[in-house]
């Protein structure tokens, strides 16, 4: 019977603190990773808000091409008048 008490004491005084120590070494980095992930999510959403005008660049490129061709035609027509 006394071996049962020694086993319980060893479990309580040795194994439990080791398990808690190892769990703490795993949980602390996991919490830190979660904080980093939340930070990335927050700033990623803010970044996507800043990228909303990017598709309008395609229209801008088309307008610049049209303006370029029209300006060349204008200069070609005004050139002989000067």
PDB file of N, CA and C in Angstrom:
ATOM      1  N   UNK A   1       0.812  -1.196   0.000  1.00  0.00           N
ATOM      2  CA  UNK A   1       0.000   0.000   0.000  1.00  0.00           C
ATOM      3  C   UNK A   1       0.857   1.262   0.000  1.00  0.00           C
ATOM      4  N   UNK A   2       1.963   1.189   0.686  1.00  0.00           N
ATOM      5  CA  UNK A   2       2.804   2.371   0.754  1.00  0.00           C
ATOM      6  C   UNK A   2       3.428   2.692  -0.608  1.00  0.00           C
ATOM      7  N   UNK A   3       3.631   1.665  -1.483  1.00  0.00           N
ATOM      8  CA  UNK A   3       4.122   1.926  -2.832  1.00  0.00           C
ATOM      9  C   UNK A   3       3.096   2.736  -3.642  1.00  0.00           C
ATOM     10  N   UNK A   4       1.835   2.495  -3.377  1.00  0.00           N
ATOM     11  CA  UNK A   4       0.769   3.255  -4.036  1.00  0.00           C
ATOM     12  C   UNK A   4       0.890   4.731  -3.683  1.00  0.00           C
ATOM     13  N   UNK A   5       1.157   5.018  -2.427  1.00  0.00           N
ATOM     14  CA  UNK A   5       1.306   6.405  -1.981  1.00  0.00           C
ATOM     15  C   UNK A   5       2.575   7.036  -2.559  1.00  0.00           C
ATOM     16  N   UNK A   6       3.629   6.274  -2.648  1.00  0.00           N
ATOM     17  CA  UNK A   6       4.874   6.788  -3.241  1.00  0.00           C
ATOM     18  C   UNK A   6       4.652   7.091  -4.723  1.00  0.00           C
ATOM     19  N   UNK A   7       3.953   6.232  -5.439  1.00  0.00           N
ATOM     20  CA  UNK A   7       3.648   6.458  -6.849  1.00  0.00           C
ATOM     21  C   UNK A   7       2.791   7.697  -7.042  1.00  0.00           C
ATOM     22  N   UNK A   8       1.788   7.859  -6.175  1.00  0.00           N
ATOM     23  CA  UNK A   8       0.937   9.055  -6.261  1.00  0.00           C
ATOM     24  C   UNK A   8       1.744  10.322  -5.977  1.00  0.00           C
ATOM     25  N   UNK A   9       2.623  10.262  -4.993  1.00  0.00           N
ATOM     26  CA  UNK A   9       3.452  11.423  -4.650  1.00  0.00           C
ATOM     27  C   UNK A   9       4.401  11.755  -5.799  1.00  0.00           C
ATOM     28  N   UNK A  10       4.993  10.721  -6.411  1.00  0.00           N
ATOM     29  CA  UNK A  10       5.893  10.955  -7.546  1.00  0.00           C
ATOM     30  C   UNK A  10       5.120  11.572  -8.710  1.00  0.00           C
ATOM     31  N   UNK A  11       3.928  11.080  -8.936  1.00  0.00           N
ATOM     32  CA  UNK A  11       3.103  11.645  -9.995  1.00  0.00           C
ATOM     33  C   UNK A  11       2.788  13.105  -9.717  1.00  0.00           C
ATOM     34  N   UNK A  12       2.425  13.387  -8.489  1.00  0.00           N
ATOM     35  CA  UNK A  12       2.043  14.742  -8.120  1.00  0.00           C
ATOM     36  C   UNK A  12       3.231  15.694  -8.110  1.00  0.00           C
ATOM     37  N   UNK A  13       4.371  15.253  -7.625  1.00  0.00           N
ATOM     38  CA  UNK A  13       5.520  16.139  -7.436  1.00  0.00           C
ATOM     39  C   UNK A  13       6.494  16.175  -8.607  1.00  0.00           C
ATOM     40  N   UNK A  14       6.463  15.184  -9.477  1.00  0.00           N
ATOM     41  CA  UNK A  14       7.447  15.138 -10.561  1.00  0.00           C
ATOM     42  C   UNK A  14       6.776  15.237 -11.932  1.00  0.00           C
ATOM     43  N   UNK A  15       5.849  14.369 -12.187  1.00  0.00           N
ATOM     44  CA  UNK A  15       5.281  14.280 -13.529  1.00  0.00           C
ATOM     45  C   UNK A  15       4.397  15.485 -13.837  1.00  0.00           C
ATOM     46  N   UNK A  16       3.564  15.889 -12.907  1.00  0.00           N
ATOM     47  CA  UNK A  16       2.650  17.003 -13.153  1.00  0.00           C
ATOM     48  C   UNK A  16       3.396  18.302 -13.467  1.00  0.00           C
ATOM     49  N   UNK A  17       4.428  18.691 -12.704  1.00  0.00           N
ATOM     50  CA  UNK A  17       5.156  19.919 -13.072  1.00  0.00           C
ATOM     51  C   UNK A  17       5.856  19.813 -14.436  1.00  0.00           C
ATOM     52  N   UNK A  18       6.362  18.636 -14.763  1.00  0.00           N
ATOM     53  CA  UNK A  18       7.020  18.468 -16.066  1.00  0.00           C
ATOM     54  C   UNK A  18       6.002  18.630 -17.193  1.00  0.00           C
ATOM     55  N   UNK A  19       4.818  18.042 -17.032  1.00  0.00           N
ATOM     56  CA  UNK A  19       3.769  18.168 -18.040  1.00  0.00           C
ATOM     57  C   UNK A  19       3.340  19.628 -18.168  1.00  0.00           C
ATOM     58  N   UNK A  20       3.178  20.314 -17.051  1.00  0.00           N
ATOM     59  CA  UNK A  20       2.797  21.725 -17.104  1.00  0.00           C
ATOM     60  C   UNK A  20       3.881  22.574 -17.756  1.00  0.00           C
ATOM     61  N   UNK A  21       5.131  22.285 -17.479  1.00  0.00           N
ATOM     62  CA  UNK A  21       6.237  23.015 -18.082  1.00  0.00           C
ATOM     63  C   UNK A  21       6.250  22.812 -19.602  1.00  0.00           C
ATOM     64  N   UNK A  22       6.103  21.575 -20.039  1.00  0.00           N
ATOM     65  CA  UNK A  22       6.094  21.298 -21.472  1.00  0.00           C
ATOM     66  C   UNK A  22       4.865  21.903 -22.152  1.00  0.00           C
ATOM     67  N   UNK A  23       3.725  21.865 -21.485  1.00  0.00           N
ATOM     68  CA  UNK A  23       2.514  22.465 -22.053  1.00  0.00           C
ATOM     69  C   UNK A  23       2.690  23.972 -22.183  1.00  0.00           C
ATOM     70  N   UNK A  24       3.323  24.588 -21.203  1.00  0.00           N
ATOM     71  CA  UNK A  24       3.569  26.027 -21.261  1.00  0.00           C
ATOM     72  C   UNK A  24       4.500  26.371 -22.422  1.00  0.00           C
ATOM     73  N   UNK A  25       5.482  25.515 -22.687  1.00  0.00           N
ATOM     74  CA  UNK A  25       6.410  25.757 -23.788  1.00  0.00           C
ATOM     75  C   UNK A  25       5.738  25.595 -25.143  1.00  0.00           C
ATOM     76  N   UNK A  26       4.628  24.892 -25.198  1.00  0.00           N
ATOM     77  CA  UNK A  26       3.891  24.727 -26.452  1.00  0.00           C
ATOM     78  C   UNK A  26       2.822  25.809 -26.588  1.00  0.00           C
ATOM     79  N   UNK A  27       2.136  26.121 -25.512  1.00  0.00           N
ATOM     80  CA  UNK A  27       1.014  27.054 -25.568  1.00  0.00           C
ATOM     81  C   UNK A  27       1.482  28.486 -25.795  1.00  0.00           C
ATOM     82  N   UNK A  28       2.563  28.899 -25.168  1.00  0.00           N
ATOM     83  CA  UNK A  28       3.036  30.281 -25.307  1.00  0.00           C
ATOM     84  C   UNK A  28       3.362  30.640 -26.764  1.00  0.00           C
ATOM     85  N   UNK A  29       4.122  29.840 -27.497  1.00  0.00           N
ATOM     86  CA  UNK A  29       4.339  30.182 -28.917  1.00  0.00           C
ATOM     87  C   UNK A  29       3.058  30.121 -29.746  1.00  0.00           C
ATOM     88  N   UNK A  30       2.145  29.227 -29.402  1.00  0.00           N
ATOM     89  CA  UNK A  30       0.883  29.153 -30.140  1.00  0.00           C
ATOM     90  C   UNK A  30       0.073  30.430 -29.960  1.00  0.00           C
ATOM     91  N   UNK A  31       0.065  30.976 -28.775  1.00  0.00           N
ATOM     92  CA  UNK A  31      -0.643  32.236 -28.527  1.00  0.00           C
ATOM     93  C   UNK A  31       0.035  33.382 -29.280  1.00  0.00           C
ATOM     94  N   UNK A  32       1.362  33.353 -29.320  1.00  0.00           N
ATOM     95  CA  UNK A  32       2.092  34.391 -30.043  1.00  0.00           C
ATOM     96  C   UNK A  32       1.814  34.305 -31.545  1.00  0.00           C
ATOM     97  N   UNK A  33       1.751  33.100 -32.083  1.00  0.00           N
ATOM     98  CA  UNK A  33       1.423  32.916 -33.497  1.00  0.00           C
ATOM     99  C   UNK A  33       0.020  33.432 -33.781  1.00  0.00           C
ATOM    100  N   UNK A  34      -0.900  33.198 -32.855  1.00  0.00           N
ATOM    101  CA  UNK A  34      -2.265  33.692 -33.049  1.00  0.00           C
ATOM    102  C   UNK A  34      -2.280  35.218 -33.099  1.00  0.00           C
ATOM    103  N   UNK A  35      -1.507  35.863 -32.219  1.00  0.00           N
ATOM    104  CA  UNK A  35      -1.441  37.333 -32.242  1.00  0.00           C
ATOM    105  C   UNK A  35      -0.874  37.830 -33.567  1.00  0.00           C
ATOM    106  N   UNK A  36       0.174  37.169 -34.064  1.00  0.00           N
ATOM    107  CA  UNK A  36       0.738  37.552 -35.360  1.00  0.00           C
ATOM    108  C   UNK A  36      -0.274  37.345 -36.478  1.00  0.00           C
ATOM    109  N   UNK A  37      -1.006  36.252 -36.444  1.00  0.00           N
ATOM    110  CA  UNK A  37      -2.006  35.979 -37.483  1.00  0.00           C
ATOM    111  C   UNK A  37      -3.119  37.027 -37.454  1.00  0.00           C
ATOM    112  N   UNK A  38      -3.557  37.410 -36.261  1.00  0.00           N
ATOM    113  CA  UNK A  38      -4.573  38.464 -36.161  1.00  0.00           C
ATOM    114  C   UNK A  38      -4.053  39.786 -36.710  1.00  0.00           C
ATOM    115  N   UNK A  39      -2.787  40.089 -36.431  1.00  0.00           N
ATOM    116  CA  UNK A  39      -2.180  41.319 -36.931  1.00  0.00           C
ATOM    117  C   UNK A  39      -2.085  41.294 -38.458  1.00  0.00           C
ATOM    118  N   UNK A  40      -1.698  40.144 -39.009  1.00  0.00           N
ATOM    119  CA  UNK A  40      -1.612  40.010 -40.462  1.00  0.00           C
ATOM    120  C   UNK A  40      -2.986  40.170 -41.090  1.00  0.00           C
ATOM    121  N   UNK A  41      -4.002  39.575 -40.474  1.00  0.00           N
ATOM    122  CA  UNK A  41      -5.354  39.689 -41.005  1.00  0.00           C
ATOM    123  C   UNK A  41      -5.816  41.140 -41.001  1.00  0.00           C
ATOM    124  N   UNK A  42      -5.587  41.830 -39.895  1.00  0.00           N
ATOM    125  CA  UNK A  42      -6.016  43.231 -39.786  1.00  0.00           C
ATOM    126  C   UNK A  42      -5.354  44.097 -40.863  1.00  0.00           C
ATOM    127  N   UNK A  43      -4.047  43.961 -41.010  1.00  0.00           N
ATOM    128  CA  UNK A  43      -3.339  44.794 -41.975  1.00  0.00           C
ATOM    129  C   UNK A  43      -3.589  44.327 -43.410  1.00  0.00           C
ATOM    130  N   UNK A  44      -3.874  43.064 -43.610  1.00  0.00           N
ATOM    131  CA  UNK A  44      -4.219  42.581 -44.939  1.00  0.00           C
ATOM    132  C   UNK A  44      -5.524  43.177 -45.422  1.00  0.00           C
ATOM    133  N   UNK A  45      -6.493  43.295 -44.518  1.00  0.00           N
ATOM    134  CA  UNK A  45      -7.770  43.918 -44.883  1.00  0.00           C
ATOM    135  C   UNK A  45      -7.553  45.380 -45.228  1.00  0.00           C
ATOM    136  N   UNK A  46      -6.730  46.061 -44.458  1.00  0.00           N
ATOM    137  CA  UNK A  46      -6.438  47.467 -44.763  1.00  0.00           C
ATOM    138  C   UNK A  46      -5.725  47.603 -46.107  1.00  0.00           C
ATOM    139  N   UNK A  47      -4.879  46.639 -46.438  1.00  0.00           N
ATOM    140  CA  UNK A  47      -4.170  46.680 -47.710  1.00  0.00           C
ATOM    141  C   UNK A  47      -5.125  46.489 -48.881  1.00  0.00           C
ATOM    142  N   UNK A  48      -6.091  45.583 -48.739  1.00  0.00           N
ATOM    143  CA  UNK A  48      -7.026  45.366 -49.842  1.00  0.00           C
ATOM    144  C   UNK A  48      -7.880  46.601 -50.089  1.00  0.00           C
ATOM    145  N   UNK A  49      -8.160  47.370 -49.055  1.00  0.00           N
ATOM    146  CA  UNK A  49      -8.894  48.614 -49.251  1.00  0.00           C
ATOM    147  C   UNK A  49      -8.083  49.589 -50.104  1.00  0.00           C
ATOM    148  N   UNK A  50      -6.768  49.568 -49.954  1.00  0.00           N
ATOM    149  CA  UNK A  50      -5.923  50.473 -50.717  1.00  0.00           C
ATOM    150  C   UNK A  50      -5.746  50.011 -52.160  1.00  0.00           C
ATOM    151  N   UNK A  51      -6.040  48.749 -52.441  1.00  0.00           N
ATOM    152  CA  UNK A  51      -5.852  48.214 -53.780  1.00  0.00           C
ATOM    153  C   UNK A  51      -7.116  48.251 -54.627  1.00  0.00           C
ATOM    154  N   UNK A  52      -8.204  48.803 -54.116  1.00  0.00           N
ATOM    155  CA  UNK A  52      -9.448  48.861 -54.877  1.00  0.00           C
ATOM    156  C   UNK A  52      -9.303  49.634 -56.191  1.00  0.00           C
ATOM    157  N   UNK A  53      -8.548  50.738 -56.262  1.00  0.00           N
ATOM    158  CA  UNK A  53      -8.452  51.481 -57.531  1.00  0.00           C
ATOM    159  C   UNK A  53      -7.590  50.798 -58.598  1.00  0.00           C
ATOM    160  N   UNK A  54      -6.911  49.729 -58.288  1.00  0.00           N
ATOM    161  CA  UNK A  54      -5.983  49.109 -59.235  1.00  0.00           C
ATOM    162  C   UNK A  54      -6.677  48.668 -60.529  1.00  0.00           C
ATOM    163  N   UNK A  55      -7.875  48.064 -60.502  1.00  0.00           N
ATOM    164  CA  UNK A  55      -8.504  47.698 -61.786  1.00  0.00           C
ATOM    165  C   UNK A  55      -8.774  48.894 -62.695  1.00  0.00           C
ATOM    166  N   UNK A  56      -8.896  50.085 -62.149  1.00  0.00           N
ATOM    167  CA  UNK A  56      -9.113  51.274 -62.973  1.00  0.00           C
ATOM    168  C   UNK A  56      -7.878  51.605 -63.802  1.00  0.00           C
ATOM    169  N   UNK A  57      -6.734  51.027 -63.468  1.00  0.00           N
ATOM    170  CA  UNK A  57      -5.527  51.278 -64.252  1.00  0.00           C
ATOM    171  C   UNK A  57      -5.663  50.735 -65.671  1.00  0.00           C
ATOM    172  N   UNK A  58      -6.441  49.680 -65.855  1.00  0.00           N
ATOM    173  CA  UNK A  58      -6.666  49.140 -67.197  1.00  0.00           C
ATOM    174  C   UNK A  58      -7.403  50.178 -68.040  1.00  0.00           C
ATOM    175  N   UNK A  59      -8.441  50.782 -67.449  1.00  0.00           N
ATOM    176  CA  UNK A  59      -9.165  51.832 -68.177  1.00  0.00           C
ATOM    177  C   UNK A  59      -8.255  53.017 -68.478  1.00  0.00           C
ATOM    178  N   UNK A  60      -7.419  53.371 -67.516  1.00  0.00           N
ATOM    179  CA  UNK A  60      -6.495  54.489 -67.707  1.00  0.00           C
ATOM    180  C   UNK A  60      -5.548  54.205 -68.861  1.00  0.00           C
ATOM    181  N   UNK A  61      -5.052  52.977 -68.935  1.00  0.00           N
ATOM    182  CA  UNK A  61      -4.148  52.620 -70.026  1.00  0.00           C
ATOM    183  C   UNK A  61      -4.860  52.747 -71.383  1.00  0.00           C
ATOM    184  N   UNK A  62      -6.112  52.312 -71.444  1.00  0.00           N
ATOM    185  CA  UNK A  62      -6.875  52.432 -72.695  1.00  0.00           C
ATOM    186  C   UNK A  62      -7.102  53.900 -73.061  1.00  0.00           C
ATOM    187  N   UNK A  63      -7.434  54.730 -72.066  1.00  0.00           N
ATOM    188  CA  UNK A  63      -7.673  56.151 -72.326  1.00  0.00           C
ATOM    189  C   UNK A  63      -6.397  56.845 -72.802  1.00  0.00           C
ATOM    190  N   UNK A  64      -5.278  56.480 -72.221  1.00  0.00           N
ATOM    191  CA  UNK A  64      -4.005  57.073 -72.639  1.00  0.00           C
ATOM    192  C   UNK A  64      -3.694  56.680 -74.080  1.00  0.00           C
ATOM    193  N   UNK A  65      -3.953  55.439 -74.418  1.00  0.00           N
ATOM    194  CA  UNK A  65      -3.727  55.007 -75.801  1.00  0.00           C
ATOM    195  C   UNK A  65      -4.619  55.759 -76.774  1.00  0.00           C
ATOM    196  N   UNK A  66      -5.891  55.949 -76.397  1.00  0.00           N
ATOM    197  CA  UNK A  66      -6.813  56.699 -77.260  1.00  0.00           C
ATOM    198  C   UNK A  66      -6.382  58.156 -77.367  1.00  0.00           C
ATOM    199  N   UNK A  67      -5.995  58.757 -76.267  1.00  0.00           N
ATOM    200  CA  UNK A  67      -5.559  60.159 -76.293  1.00  0.00           C
ATOM    201  C   UNK A  67      -4.293  60.314 -77.118  1.00  0.00           C
ATOM    202  N   UNK A  68      -3.422  59.328 -77.058  1.00  0.00           N
ATOM    203  CA  UNK A  68      -2.183  59.396 -77.822  1.00  0.00           C
ATOM    204  C   UNK A  68      -2.479  59.381 -79.315  1.00  0.00           C
ATOM    205  N   UNK A  69      -3.339  58.473 -79.725  1.00  0.00           N
ATOM    206  CA  UNK A  69      -3.651  58.405 -81.159  1.00  0.00           C
ATOM    207  C   UNK A  69      -4.384  59.666 -81.622  1.00  0.00           C
ATOM    208  N   UNK A  70      -5.285  60.205 -80.783  1.00  0.00           N
ATOM    209  CA  UNK A  70      -6.003  61.433 -81.148  1.00  0.00           C
ATOM    210  C   UNK A  70      -5.062  62.635 -81.200  1.00  0.00           C
ATOM    211  N   UNK A  71      -4.111  62.692 -80.284  1.00  0.00           N
ATOM    212  CA  UNK A  71      -3.178  63.821 -80.286  1.00  0.00           C
ATOM    213  C   UNK A  71      -2.261  63.758 -81.497  1.00  0.00           C
ATOM    214  N   UNK A  72      -1.873  62.565 -81.914  1.00  0.00           N
ATOM    215  CA  UNK A  72      -1.045  62.423 -83.116  1.00  0.00           C
ATOM    216  C   UNK A  72      -1.838  62.888 -84.334  1.00  0.00           C
ATOM    217  N   UNK A  73      -3.120  62.525 -84.400  1.00  0.00           N
ATOM    218  CA  UNK A  73      -3.960  62.958 -85.517  1.00  0.00           C
ATOM    219  C   UNK A  73      -4.141  64.472 -85.495  1.00  0.00           C
ATOM    220  N   UNK A  74      -4.293  65.043 -84.311  1.00  0.00           N
ATOM    221  CA  UNK A  74      -4.461  66.501 -84.190  1.00  0.00           C
ATOM    222  C   UNK A  74      -3.212  67.231 -84.654  1.00  0.00           C
ATOM    223  N   UNK A  75      -2.066  66.763 -84.186  1.00  0.00           N
ATOM    224  CA  UNK A  75      -0.812  67.409 -84.578  1.00  0.00           C
ATOM    225  C   UNK A  75      -0.599  67.273 -86.085  1.00  0.00           C
ATOM    226  N   UNK A  76      -0.977  66.132 -86.622  1.00  0.00           N
ATOM    227  CA  UNK A  76      -0.834  65.928 -88.070  1.00  0.00           C
ATOM    228  C   UNK A  76      -1.744  66.876 -88.861  1.00  0.00           C
ATOM    229  N   UNK A  77      -2.935  67.176 -88.308  1.00  0.00           N
ATOM    230  CA  UNK A  77      -3.837  68.074 -89.011  1.00  0.00           C
ATOM    231  C   UNK A  77      -3.441  69.526 -88.828  1.00  0.00           C
ATOM    232  N   UNK A  78      -2.915  69.892 -87.674  1.00  0.00           N
ATOM    233  CA  UNK A  78      -2.558  71.284 -87.395  1.00  0.00           C
ATOM    234  C   UNK A  78      -1.196  71.617 -87.983  1.00  0.00           C
ATOM    235  N   UNK A  79      -0.356  70.673 -88.181  1.00  0.00           N
ATOM    236  CA  UNK A  79       0.988  70.903 -88.701  1.00  0.00           C
ATOM    237  C   UNK A  79       1.017  71.652 -90.012  1.00  0.00           C
ATOM    238  N   UNK A  80       0.255  71.263 -90.992  1.00  0.00           N
ATOM    239  CA  UNK A  80       0.283  72.010 -92.268  1.00  0.00           C
ATOM    240  C   UNK A  80      -0.268  73.419 -92.129  1.00  0.00           C
ATOM    241  N   UNK A  81      -1.136  73.682 -91.170  1.00  0.00           N
ATOM    242  CA  UNK A  81      -1.696  75.021 -91.009  1.00  0.00           C
ATOM    243  C   UNK A  81      -0.657  75.997 -90.458  1.00  0.00           C
ATOM    244  N   UNK A  82       0.315  75.499 -89.736  1.00  0.00           N
ATOM    245  CA  UNK A  82       1.319  76.385 -89.160  1.00  0.00           C
ATOM    246  C   UNK A  82       2.427  76.516 -90.134  1.00  0.00           C
TER     247      UNK A  82
END
